[in-house]
Amino acid sequence: MGDRRSYQQFCGLARALDRLGERWTLLIVRELLLGPRRYSDLLEGLPGLTTNLLAARLREMEHIGIIRRKRAPAPVRAHVYELTESGHALEATIMEMARWGGRFMQAPHPDDRMNIGWGLLSLKRRYRGGLDMTAELRIDDRVFELAFEPGYLAVSEKSASRPDVVVSGTLAAFRGWLFGGKSAHENRAGGAFSVRGDVAAFAQLASAFLPREEPAETVSAHPRRGQSAAG
């Protein structure tokens, strides 16, 4: 860890914070959960992060072994950053931290930035389970692959190689479905969604996710032991 300060505590949490406790580090991991990113992609996706600080964070993250830098496949002439096995192991922790943080998301502040990629990552913890299929979501000019396994959902920002169903629509339409309570079938019937592929796969996709979790102020302040207030 070089000259970085350490808590110098023989504790797993302290050791993790020694490596991950710097500002922006976990948000960079969040970006890379969607797949490899160029330096410019990370800078664009994390407004407020300066180029010098991003460079410093990436060096630190490479040093501790949670990301690697590699040349992107042709025809892209650039290097990209991706998570290592150790970096991917942070996914469960990040998902639980995001679930906890959802308690404080009553409504966006006027200066809050929003990103549909962050929202799609939240679907990992809302996935009901039991599916074995691949969907491609075309949201305005962005494309995402949702690869469903019975017990896991992988979300990547890329075209799906062999999707069972492809759903295209505007950002507003997808937000209405995934976060606003409007059904995917309503969007399709109203022309907000264009669907190509297996009809049964679209029906499975439409019911794949649990309702959005409620913020803390709308649920009991005294959950039962072992149960979070967000359920």
Foldseek 3Di string as FASTA:
>chain_A
DPPQDAPPDPDPVRVVCSQQVDPPLVVLLLVQLQHWAFLVRSPVVDPPQDSVNSVVSVVSCVVVQQKDWDADDPPDGGITIHGDPVSVVCLVVVLVVVVVVQLVPPDDDPPDDDDVSSVVSNQFVFFPFDDAFKEWEAEPPWIWIWGGDRNTTRIHGDHDPDHQKYKYAYPVLVCCQSPVPDFPVVCVVVVRIDMDHDPVVVVCVRPGGHHDFDHQVVFDPDDDPPDDRSD
